[in-house]
């Protein structure tokens, strides 16, 4: 059984402004960097065997803070990226409302996101049987995984929040 510690990246200015980031590479802001170091403190006593991250800088920098504490390398996997929202990236909720009720983003579908995130996480679990692995990614990507695993979504995946999942023989199970 592999235990996954799932963490969302620290805050960015676009998070603060409620802008859709998607696959845009937006850096952490000062609070986000502080959150990343607080996450490193929170996980300091956890015996992590590996750390994986989305290749987007906000996730990578968050993972690097934890990796520095554990003296591990961060392994980047673009399959852990947030959903690509296409032309909606950079827009606020108000901008989207102004587009009208029928507006749909021209990015990835739910199925595409689920397929690539599950593929990435299963590959991580297969590479690290019986180990403890931190996966730093994005709220939407992590929520897709969580929904697949437990059948419900997290209402709001807070910056640097950590949830645990076990992976055993291709099955995902929540861990307290």
N, C-alpha and C. Protein backbone atom coordinates (compact mmCIF):
# COMPACT_ATOMS: atom_id res chain seq x y z
N UNK A 1 0.85 -1.18 0.00
CA UNK A 1 0.00 0.00 0.00
C UNK A 1 0.90 1.25 0.00
N UNK A 2 0.61 2.17 -0.89
CA UNK A 2 1.32 3.44 -0.96
C UNK A 2 0.44 4.51 -0.32
N UNK A 3 1.04 5.33 0.53
CA UNK A 3 0.31 6.44 1.15
C UNK A 3 0.69 7.73 0.45
N UNK A 4 -0.31 8.42 -0.08
CA UNK A 4 -0.10 9.69 -0.77
C UNK A 4 -0.56 10.84 0.12
N UNK A 5 0.30 11.81 0.28
CA UNK A 5 -0.05 13.06 0.94
C UNK A 5 -0.29 14.05 -0.19
N UNK A 6 -1.52 14.47 -0.35
CA UNK A 6 -1.91 15.35 -1.45
C UNK A 6 -1.99 16.78 -0.95
N UNK A 7 -1.23 17.67 -1.55
CA UNK A 7 -1.22 19.07 -1.11
C UNK A 7 -1.42 20.00 -2.30
N UNK A 8 -2.23 21.01 -2.08
CA UNK A 8 -2.39 22.07 -3.07
C UNK A 8 -1.26 23.08 -2.88
N UNK A 9 -0.87 23.70 -3.95
CA UNK A 9 0.19 24.72 -3.92
C UNK A 9 -0.21 25.91 -3.04
N UNK A 10 0.77 26.75 -2.72
CA UNK A 10 0.52 27.98 -1.98
C UNK A 10 -0.19 29.02 -2.83
N UNK A 11 -0.56 30.12 -2.19
CA UNK A 11 -1.35 31.17 -2.85
C UNK A 11 -0.56 31.92 -3.92
N UNK A 12 -1.28 32.35 -4.95
CA UNK A 12 -0.75 33.23 -5.99
C UNK A 12 -1.60 34.50 -6.00
N UNK A 13 -1.12 35.52 -6.69
CA UNK A 13 -1.93 36.73 -6.83
C UNK A 13 -3.24 36.42 -7.54
N UNK A 14 -3.21 35.51 -8.51
CA UNK A 14 -4.45 35.16 -9.22
C UNK A 14 -5.43 34.45 -8.29
N UNK A 15 -4.94 33.64 -7.34
CA UNK A 15 -5.84 33.05 -6.34
C UNK A 15 -6.53 34.17 -5.57
N UNK A 16 -5.74 35.13 -5.12
CA UNK A 16 -6.27 36.24 -4.33
C UNK A 16 -7.31 37.04 -5.12
N UNK A 17 -7.07 37.20 -6.42
CA UNK A 17 -7.98 37.97 -7.28
C UNK A 17 -9.13 37.12 -7.83
N UNK A 18 -9.16 35.84 -7.46
CA UNK A 18 -10.18 34.89 -7.93
C UNK A 18 -10.18 34.77 -9.45
N UNK A 19 -8.97 34.75 -10.02
CA UNK A 19 -8.80 34.55 -11.47
C UNK A 19 -8.55 33.06 -11.74
N UNK A 20 -9.07 32.59 -12.85
CA UNK A 20 -8.84 31.21 -13.25
C UNK A 20 -7.40 31.09 -13.74
N UNK A 21 -6.63 30.22 -13.07
CA UNK A 21 -5.22 30.03 -13.45
C UNK A 21 -5.07 28.93 -14.47
N UNK A 22 -5.77 27.82 -14.25
CA UNK A 22 -5.64 26.70 -15.15
C UNK A 22 -4.18 26.31 -15.35
N UNK A 23 -3.78 26.15 -16.60
CA UNK A 23 -2.41 25.74 -16.90
C UNK A 23 -1.48 26.94 -17.08
N UNK A 24 -1.95 28.15 -16.82
CA UNK A 24 -1.06 29.32 -16.86
C UNK A 24 -0.05 29.19 -15.73
N UNK A 25 1.18 29.56 -16.02
CA UNK A 25 2.25 29.39 -15.03
C UNK A 25 2.37 30.66 -14.18
N UNK A 26 1.59 30.71 -13.11
CA UNK A 26 1.55 31.86 -12.21
C UNK A 26 2.35 31.52 -10.96
N UNK A 27 3.26 32.40 -10.58
CA UNK A 27 4.16 32.15 -9.44
C UNK A 27 3.45 32.38 -8.12
N UNK A 28 4.01 31.80 -7.06
CA UNK A 28 3.53 32.06 -5.71
C UNK A 28 3.74 33.53 -5.36
N UNK A 29 2.85 34.08 -4.55
CA UNK A 29 3.09 35.41 -3.98
C UNK A 29 3.76 35.22 -2.62
N UNK A 30 3.98 36.30 -1.89
CA UNK A 30 4.68 36.20 -0.61
C UNK A 30 3.93 35.30 0.37
N UNK A 31 2.60 35.45 0.46
CA UNK A 31 1.84 34.58 1.34
C UNK A 31 1.98 33.13 0.90
N UNK A 32 1.96 32.88 -0.39
CA UNK A 32 2.11 31.52 -0.91
C UNK A 32 3.44 30.89 -0.53
N UNK A 33 4.51 31.69 -0.56
CA UNK A 33 5.82 31.19 -0.13
C UNK A 33 5.80 30.87 1.36
N UNK A 34 5.16 31.73 2.14
CA UNK A 34 5.04 31.46 3.58
C UNK A 34 4.23 30.20 3.84
N UNK A 35 3.16 30.01 3.07
CA UNK A 35 2.35 28.80 3.21
C UNK A 35 3.17 27.56 2.85
N UNK A 36 4.00 27.66 1.84
CA UNK A 36 4.84 26.52 1.43
C UNK A 36 5.80 26.13 2.56
N UNK A 37 6.39 27.13 3.21
CA UNK A 37 7.30 26.81 4.32
C UNK A 37 6.53 26.29 5.52
N UNK A 38 5.31 26.76 5.73
CA UNK A 38 4.47 26.22 6.81
C UNK A 38 4.11 24.76 6.51
N UNK A 39 3.87 24.45 5.24
CA UNK A 39 3.62 23.06 4.85
C UNK A 39 4.85 22.21 5.14
N UNK A 40 6.02 22.74 4.85
CA UNK A 40 7.26 22.01 5.15
C UNK A 40 7.36 21.73 6.65
N UNK A 41 6.98 22.72 7.46
CA UNK A 41 6.98 22.51 8.92
C UNK A 41 5.96 21.44 9.31
N UNK A 42 4.77 21.51 8.72
CA UNK A 42 3.71 20.55 9.04
C UNK A 42 4.12 19.11 8.73
N UNK A 43 4.87 18.94 7.64
CA UNK A 43 5.26 17.60 7.20
C UNK A 43 6.67 17.21 7.64
N UNK A 44 7.28 18.02 8.50
CA UNK A 44 8.66 17.78 8.91
C UNK A 44 8.86 16.41 9.56
N UNK A 45 7.88 15.95 10.31
CA UNK A 45 8.02 14.67 11.03
C UNK A 45 7.49 13.48 10.22
N UNK A 46 6.97 13.73 9.03
CA UNK A 46 6.48 12.65 8.18
C UNK A 46 7.67 12.08 7.41
N UNK A 47 7.83 10.78 7.45
CA UNK A 47 8.94 10.12 6.75
C UNK A 47 8.58 9.96 5.27
N UNK A 48 8.80 11.02 4.51
CA UNK A 48 8.50 10.98 3.08
C UNK A 48 9.61 10.27 2.32
N UNK A 49 9.21 9.44 1.36
CA UNK A 49 10.17 8.72 0.53
C UNK A 49 10.38 9.40 -0.81
N UNK A 50 9.39 10.19 -1.26
CA UNK A 50 9.49 10.86 -2.55
C UNK A 50 8.54 12.05 -2.57
N UNK A 51 8.85 12.99 -3.43
CA UNK A 51 7.99 14.17 -3.63
C UNK A 51 7.80 14.38 -5.11
N UNK A 52 6.54 14.46 -5.52
CA UNK A 52 6.18 14.73 -6.91
C UNK A 52 5.41 16.04 -6.96
N UNK A 53 5.51 16.71 -8.11
CA UNK A 53 4.83 17.98 -8.28
C UNK A 53 4.44 18.18 -9.74
N UNK A 54 3.38 18.94 -9.91
CA UNK A 54 3.09 19.51 -11.21
C UNK A 54 4.31 20.31 -11.63
N UNK A 55 4.50 20.47 -12.93
CA UNK A 55 5.65 21.25 -13.39
C UNK A 55 5.39 22.76 -13.40
N UNK A 56 4.19 23.19 -13.04
CA UNK A 56 3.91 24.63 -12.97
C UNK A 56 4.60 25.20 -11.73
N UNK A 57 5.13 26.41 -11.85
CA UNK A 57 6.01 26.96 -10.81
C UNK A 57 5.35 27.08 -9.45
N UNK A 58 4.05 27.36 -9.39
CA UNK A 58 3.40 27.51 -8.08
C UNK A 58 3.40 26.20 -7.30
N UNK A 59 3.23 25.09 -7.99
CA UNK A 59 3.29 23.78 -7.33
C UNK A 59 4.74 23.37 -7.08
N UNK A 60 5.59 23.58 -8.07
CA UNK A 60 6.99 23.19 -7.93
C UNK A 60 7.64 23.91 -6.75
N UNK A 61 7.43 25.22 -6.63
CA UNK A 61 8.04 25.97 -5.53
C UNK A 61 7.51 25.50 -4.17
N UNK A 62 6.23 25.17 -4.11
CA UNK A 62 5.66 24.63 -2.88
C UNK A 62 6.33 23.31 -2.52
N UNK A 63 6.46 22.43 -3.50
CA UNK A 63 7.09 21.12 -3.27
C UNK A 63 8.56 21.28 -2.88
N UNK A 64 9.25 22.25 -3.48
CA UNK A 64 10.67 22.45 -3.18
C UNK A 64 10.89 22.86 -1.72
N UNK A 65 9.94 23.59 -1.14
CA UNK A 65 10.07 23.96 0.28
C UNK A 65 10.07 22.72 1.15
N UNK A 66 9.16 21.78 0.86
CA UNK A 66 9.11 20.54 1.63
C UNK A 66 10.34 19.68 1.33
N UNK A 67 10.73 19.62 0.07
CA UNK A 67 11.88 18.80 -0.34
C UNK A 67 13.16 19.26 0.36
N UNK A 68 13.30 20.56 0.53
CA UNK A 68 14.50 21.08 1.21
C UNK A 68 14.58 20.55 2.64
N UNK A 69 13.44 20.49 3.30
CA UNK A 69 13.40 20.00 4.68
C UNK A 69 13.73 18.50 4.74
N UNK A 70 13.30 17.76 3.73
CA UNK A 70 13.48 16.30 3.73
C UNK A 70 14.71 15.84 2.95
N UNK A 71 15.41 16.79 2.36
CA UNK A 71 16.59 16.47 1.53
C UNK A 71 16.24 15.48 0.42
N UNK A 72 15.13 15.78 -0.27
CA UNK A 72 14.69 14.98 -1.40
C UNK A 72 14.63 15.86 -2.65
N UNK A 73 14.67 15.22 -3.79
CA UNK A 73 14.47 15.93 -5.05
C UNK A 73 12.98 15.96 -5.37
N UNK A 74 12.56 17.01 -6.05
CA UNK A 74 11.18 17.08 -6.53
C UNK A 74 11.15 16.48 -7.94
N UNK A 75 10.26 15.53 -8.12
CA UNK A 75 10.07 14.91 -9.43
C UNK A 75 8.88 15.59 -10.09
N UNK A 76 9.11 16.20 -11.24
CA UNK A 76 8.05 16.96 -11.93
C UNK A 76 7.28 16.05 -12.88
N UNK A 77 5.96 16.22 -12.88
CA UNK A 77 5.11 15.46 -13.78
C UNK A 77 4.02 16.39 -14.33
N UNK A 78 4.08 16.73 -15.60
CA UNK A 78 3.09 17.64 -16.18
C UNK A 78 1.66 17.09 -16.16
N UNK A 79 1.50 15.79 -15.94
CA UNK A 79 0.15 15.22 -15.85
C UNK A 79 -0.56 15.68 -14.59
N UNK A 80 0.19 16.25 -13.63
CA UNK A 80 -0.40 16.74 -12.38
C UNK A 80 -0.84 18.20 -12.50
N UNK A 81 -0.75 18.78 -13.68
CA UNK A 81 -1.16 20.18 -13.88
C UNK A 81 -2.66 20.37 -13.63
N UNK A 82 -3.00 21.62 -13.40
CA UNK A 82 -4.41 22.00 -13.31
C UNK A 82 -5.06 21.85 -14.69
N UNK A 83 -6.36 21.77 -14.70
CA UNK A 83 -7.12 21.71 -15.96
C UNK A 83 -6.74 22.91 -16.81
N UNK A 84 -6.55 22.69 -18.08
CA UNK A 84 -6.36 23.78 -19.03
C UNK A 84 -7.73 24.36 -19.35
N UNK A 85 -7.93 25.63 -19.05
CA UNK A 85 -9.22 26.28 -19.28
C UNK A 85 -9.25 27.09 -20.56
N UNK A 86 -8.21 27.03 -21.35
CA UNK A 86 -8.19 27.74 -22.63
C UNK A 86 -8.38 29.23 -22.46
N UNK A 87 -9.32 29.79 -23.23
CA UNK A 87 -9.53 31.24 -23.26
C UNK A 87 -10.08 31.79 -21.94
N UNK A 88 -10.49 30.93 -21.02
CA UNK A 88 -10.99 31.42 -19.73
C UNK A 88 -9.87 31.75 -18.75
N UNK A 89 -8.65 31.31 -19.04
CA UNK A 89 -7.56 31.56 -18.10
C UNK A 89 -7.30 33.05 -17.98
N UNK A 90 -7.21 33.50 -16.73
CA UNK A 90 -7.03 34.91 -16.44
C UNK A 90 -8.33 35.64 -16.16
N UNK A 91 -9.47 34.99 -16.45
CA UNK A 91 -10.77 35.62 -16.22
C UNK A 91 -11.20 35.43 -14.76
N UNK A 92 -12.03 36.34 -14.28
CA UNK A 92 -12.65 36.20 -12.97
C UNK A 92 -14.03 35.58 -13.15
N UNK A 93 -14.66 35.24 -12.05
CA UNK A 93 -16.03 34.69 -12.12
C UNK A 93 -16.98 35.71 -12.73
N UNK A 94 -16.77 36.98 -12.40
CA UNK A 94 -17.62 38.04 -12.96
C UNK A 94 -17.45 38.11 -14.47
N UNK A 95 -16.22 37.95 -14.94
CA UNK A 95 -15.97 37.94 -16.39
C UNK A 95 -16.74 36.81 -17.06
N UNK A 96 -16.76 35.66 -16.43
CA UNK A 96 -17.44 34.50 -17.01
C UNK A 96 -18.94 34.70 -17.00
N UNK A 97 -19.48 35.25 -15.92
CA UNK A 97 -20.91 35.54 -15.86
C UNK A 97 -21.29 36.49 -16.99
N UNK A 98 -20.43 37.46 -17.26
CA UNK A 98 -20.70 38.43 -18.32
C UNK A 98 -20.71 37.78 -19.70
N UNK A 99 -20.08 36.62 -19.84
CA UNK A 99 -20.08 35.91 -21.13
C UNK A 99 -21.45 35.32 -21.44
N UNK A 100 -22.27 35.13 -20.43
CA UNK A 100 -23.61 34.59 -20.64
C UNK A 100 -23.73 33.15 -20.19
N UNK A 101 -24.98 32.72 -19.99
CA UNK A 101 -25.25 31.39 -19.45
C UNK A 101 -24.72 30.24 -20.30
N UNK A 102 -24.69 30.42 -21.60
CA UNK A 102 -24.27 29.32 -22.47
C UNK A 102 -22.78 29.22 -22.66
N UNK A 103 -22.01 30.10 -22.03
CA UNK A 103 -20.56 30.11 -22.24
C UNK A 103 -19.92 28.87 -21.64
N UNK A 104 -19.04 28.26 -22.41
CA UNK A 104 -18.28 27.10 -21.94
C UNK A 104 -16.81 27.34 -22.29
N UNK A 105 -15.94 26.85 -21.40
CA UNK A 105 -14.52 27.04 -21.69
C UNK A 105 -14.10 26.10 -22.83
N UNK A 106 -13.03 26.47 -23.49
CA UNK A 106 -12.52 25.70 -24.62
C UNK A 106 -11.27 24.91 -24.24
N UNK A 107 -11.21 24.52 -22.97
CA UNK A 107 -10.06 23.76 -22.48
C UNK A 107 -10.38 22.29 -22.34
N UNK A 108 -9.71 21.65 -21.40
CA UNK A 108 -9.87 20.21 -21.20
C UNK A 108 -11.23 19.84 -20.61
N UNK A 109 -11.69 18.66 -20.97
CA UNK A 109 -12.93 18.14 -20.41
C UNK A 109 -12.66 17.47 -19.06
N UNK A 110 -13.73 17.22 -18.31
CA UNK A 110 -13.60 16.49 -17.05
C UNK A 110 -12.92 15.14 -17.26
N UNK A 111 -13.31 14.43 -18.32
CA UNK A 111 -12.75 13.11 -18.59
C UNK A 111 -11.26 13.19 -18.89
N UNK A 112 -10.84 14.20 -19.65
CA UNK A 112 -9.42 14.35 -19.98
C UNK A 112 -8.59 14.61 -18.73
N UNK A 113 -9.10 15.48 -17.85
CA UNK A 113 -8.37 15.78 -16.61
C UNK A 113 -8.29 14.53 -15.74
N UNK A 114 -9.42 13.86 -15.55
CA UNK A 114 -9.45 12.65 -14.71
C UNK A 114 -8.49 11.60 -15.25
N UNK A 115 -8.49 11.36 -16.54
CA UNK A 115 -7.64 10.33 -17.13
C UNK A 115 -6.16 10.62 -16.89
N UNK A 116 -5.72 11.85 -17.12
CA UNK A 116 -4.28 12.14 -16.98
C UNK A 116 -3.85 12.18 -15.52
N UNK A 117 -4.71 12.71 -14.63
CA UNK A 117 -4.35 12.77 -13.20
C UNK A 117 -4.30 11.35 -12.61
N UNK A 118 -5.29 10.54 -12.91
CA UNK A 118 -5.29 9.15 -12.40
C UNK A 118 -4.11 8.37 -12.94
N UNK A 119 -3.78 8.59 -14.20
CA UNK A 119 -2.62 7.92 -14.80
C UNK A 119 -1.34 8.31 -14.05
N UNK A 120 -1.19 9.59 -13.77
CA UNK A 120 0.00 10.07 -13.05
C UNK A 120 0.08 9.47 -11.65
N UNK A 121 -1.03 9.52 -10.93
CA UNK A 121 -1.03 9.06 -9.54
C UNK A 121 -0.83 7.54 -9.47
N UNK A 122 -1.42 6.82 -10.38
CA UNK A 122 -1.21 5.36 -10.40
C UNK A 122 0.24 5.04 -10.70
N UNK A 123 0.86 5.78 -11.61
CA UNK A 123 2.28 5.56 -11.93
C UNK A 123 3.15 5.86 -10.71
N UNK A 124 2.81 6.90 -9.97
CA UNK A 124 3.55 7.23 -8.74
C UNK A 124 3.42 6.09 -7.73
N UNK A 125 2.20 5.62 -7.52
CA UNK A 125 1.97 4.53 -6.57
C UNK A 125 2.71 3.26 -7.00
N UNK A 126 2.71 2.97 -8.31
CA UNK A 126 3.40 1.77 -8.81
C UNK A 126 4.91 1.87 -8.62
N UNK A 127 5.44 3.10 -8.69
CA UNK A 127 6.88 3.32 -8.54
C UNK A 127 7.31 3.27 -7.07
N UNK A 128 6.36 3.52 -6.16
CA UNK A 128 6.69 3.62 -4.73
C UNK A 128 5.80 2.73 -3.86
N UNK A 129 5.77 1.42 -4.12
CA UNK A 129 4.92 0.55 -3.30
C UNK A 129 5.37 0.58 -1.84
N UNK A 130 4.39 0.73 -0.94
CA UNK A 130 4.66 0.71 0.48
C UNK A 130 5.31 1.97 1.02
N UNK A 131 5.43 3.01 0.20
CA UNK A 131 6.12 4.22 0.63
C UNK A 131 5.15 5.37 0.89
N UNK A 132 5.69 6.44 1.46
CA UNK A 132 4.94 7.67 1.72
C UNK A 132 5.41 8.72 0.72
N UNK A 133 4.47 9.25 -0.06
CA UNK A 133 4.81 10.16 -1.15
C UNK A 133 3.97 11.42 -1.06
N UNK A 134 4.63 12.56 -1.15
CA UNK A 134 3.93 13.84 -1.25
C UNK A 134 3.69 14.16 -2.71
N UNK A 135 2.45 14.54 -3.03
CA UNK A 135 2.08 14.97 -4.37
C UNK A 135 1.55 16.40 -4.25
N UNK A 136 2.25 17.36 -4.86
CA UNK A 136 1.83 18.75 -4.83
C UNK A 136 1.26 19.09 -6.20
N UNK A 137 0.02 19.53 -6.19
CA UNK A 137 -0.65 19.83 -7.45
C UNK A 137 -1.60 21.01 -7.26
N UNK A 138 -2.75 20.96 -7.87
CA UNK A 138 -3.68 22.08 -7.97
C UNK A 138 -5.06 21.64 -7.50
N UNK A 139 -5.84 22.60 -7.03
CA UNK A 139 -7.15 22.30 -6.45
C UNK A 139 -8.05 21.47 -7.34
N UNK A 140 -8.17 21.85 -8.59
CA UNK A 140 -9.05 21.12 -9.50
C UNK A 140 -8.55 19.72 -9.79
N UNK A 141 -7.25 19.59 -10.04
CA UNK A 141 -6.66 18.28 -10.32
C UNK A 141 -6.79 17.36 -9.11
N UNK A 142 -6.50 17.89 -7.93
CA UNK A 142 -6.60 17.09 -6.71
C UNK A 142 -8.05 16.74 -6.40
N UNK A 143 -8.95 17.67 -6.66
CA UNK A 143 -10.36 17.39 -6.41
C UNK A 143 -10.88 16.31 -7.36
N UNK A 144 -10.38 16.29 -8.57
CA UNK A 144 -10.75 15.22 -9.52
C UNK A 144 -10.32 13.87 -8.97
N UNK A 145 -9.11 13.80 -8.46
CA UNK A 145 -8.60 12.56 -7.87
C UNK A 145 -9.42 12.18 -6.64
N UNK A 146 -9.66 13.15 -5.76
CA UNK A 146 -10.41 12.89 -4.53
C UNK A 146 -11.82 12.40 -4.85
N UNK A 147 -12.47 13.02 -5.81
CA UNK A 147 -13.82 12.62 -6.21
C UNK A 147 -13.81 11.18 -6.73
N UNK A 148 -12.83 10.84 -7.52
CA UNK A 148 -12.71 9.48 -8.03
C UNK A 148 -12.52 8.49 -6.87
N UNK A 149 -11.70 8.89 -5.89
CA UNK A 149 -11.35 7.99 -4.79
C UNK A 149 -12.48 7.81 -3.79
N UNK A 150 -13.14 8.89 -3.39
CA UNK A 150 -14.12 8.81 -2.30
C UNK A 150 -15.54 9.14 -2.72
N UNK A 151 -15.74 9.55 -3.96
CA UNK A 151 -17.09 9.79 -4.44
C UNK A 151 -17.67 11.15 -4.10
N UNK A 152 -16.85 12.02 -3.55
CA UNK A 152 -17.33 13.38 -3.26
C UNK A 152 -16.19 14.36 -3.46
N UNK A 153 -16.55 15.60 -3.65
CA UNK A 153 -15.54 16.64 -3.85
C UNK A 153 -15.29 17.39 -2.55
N UNK A 154 -14.11 17.96 -2.45
CA UNK A 154 -13.80 18.87 -1.35
C UNK A 154 -14.37 20.22 -1.77
N UNK A 155 -15.16 20.85 -0.89
CA UNK A 155 -15.82 22.11 -1.28
C UNK A 155 -14.82 23.15 -1.76
N UNK A 156 -13.75 23.34 -1.01
CA UNK A 156 -12.69 24.27 -1.42
C UNK A 156 -11.38 23.71 -0.93
N UNK A 157 -10.51 23.36 -1.84
CA UNK A 157 -9.21 22.81 -1.49
C UNK A 157 -8.31 23.99 -1.17
N UNK A 158 -8.10 24.26 0.11
CA UNK A 158 -7.35 25.43 0.54
C UNK A 158 -5.88 25.32 0.14
N UNK A 159 -5.24 26.47 -0.06
CA UNK A 159 -3.82 26.49 -0.38
C UNK A 159 -3.03 25.78 0.72
N UNK A 160 -2.21 24.83 0.30
CA UNK A 160 -1.34 24.02 1.17
C UNK A 160 -2.10 23.09 2.11
N UNK A 161 -3.39 22.88 1.86
CA UNK A 161 -4.14 21.86 2.61
C UNK A 161 -3.63 20.49 2.20
N UNK A 162 -3.63 19.55 3.15
CA UNK A 162 -3.13 18.19 2.90
C UNK A 162 -4.24 17.18 3.18
N UNK A 163 -4.42 16.28 2.24
CA UNK A 163 -5.33 15.14 2.40
C UNK A 163 -4.51 13.88 2.13
N UNK A 164 -4.93 12.77 2.72
CA UNK A 164 -4.20 11.53 2.53
C UNK A 164 -5.06 10.49 1.83
N UNK A 165 -4.41 9.79 0.89
CA UNK A 165 -5.02 8.67 0.19
C UNK A 165 -4.07 7.49 0.23
N UNK A 166 -4.63 6.30 0.35
CA UNK A 166 -3.84 5.08 0.19
C UNK A 166 -4.17 4.50 -1.18
N UNK A 167 -3.17 3.93 -1.79
CA UNK A 167 -3.36 3.25 -3.08
C UNK A 167 -2.91 1.81 -2.88
N UNK A 168 -3.88 0.91 -3.11
CA UNK A 168 -3.59 -0.52 -2.96
C UNK A 168 -4.21 -1.26 -4.12
N UNK A 169 -3.37 -1.92 -4.91
CA UNK A 169 -3.82 -2.72 -6.04
C UNK A 169 -4.79 -1.94 -6.94
N UNK A 170 -4.44 -0.69 -7.25
CA UNK A 170 -5.24 0.13 -8.14
C UNK A 170 -6.45 0.77 -7.51
N UNK A 171 -6.68 0.52 -6.22
CA UNK A 171 -7.82 1.10 -5.51
C UNK A 171 -7.34 2.26 -4.65
N UNK A 172 -8.11 3.34 -4.66
CA UNK A 172 -7.80 4.53 -3.88
C UNK A 172 -8.69 4.58 -2.64
N UNK A 173 -8.07 4.77 -1.47
CA UNK A 173 -8.82 4.77 -0.22
C UNK A 173 -8.41 5.98 0.63
N UNK A 174 -9.38 6.70 1.20
CA UNK A 174 -9.01 7.83 2.07
C UNK A 174 -8.38 7.32 3.36
N UNK A 175 -7.46 8.09 3.90
CA UNK A 175 -6.75 7.75 5.14
C UNK A 175 -6.97 8.89 6.13
N UNK A 176 -7.26 8.54 7.38
CA UNK A 176 -7.42 9.58 8.41
C UNK A 176 -6.09 10.08 8.90
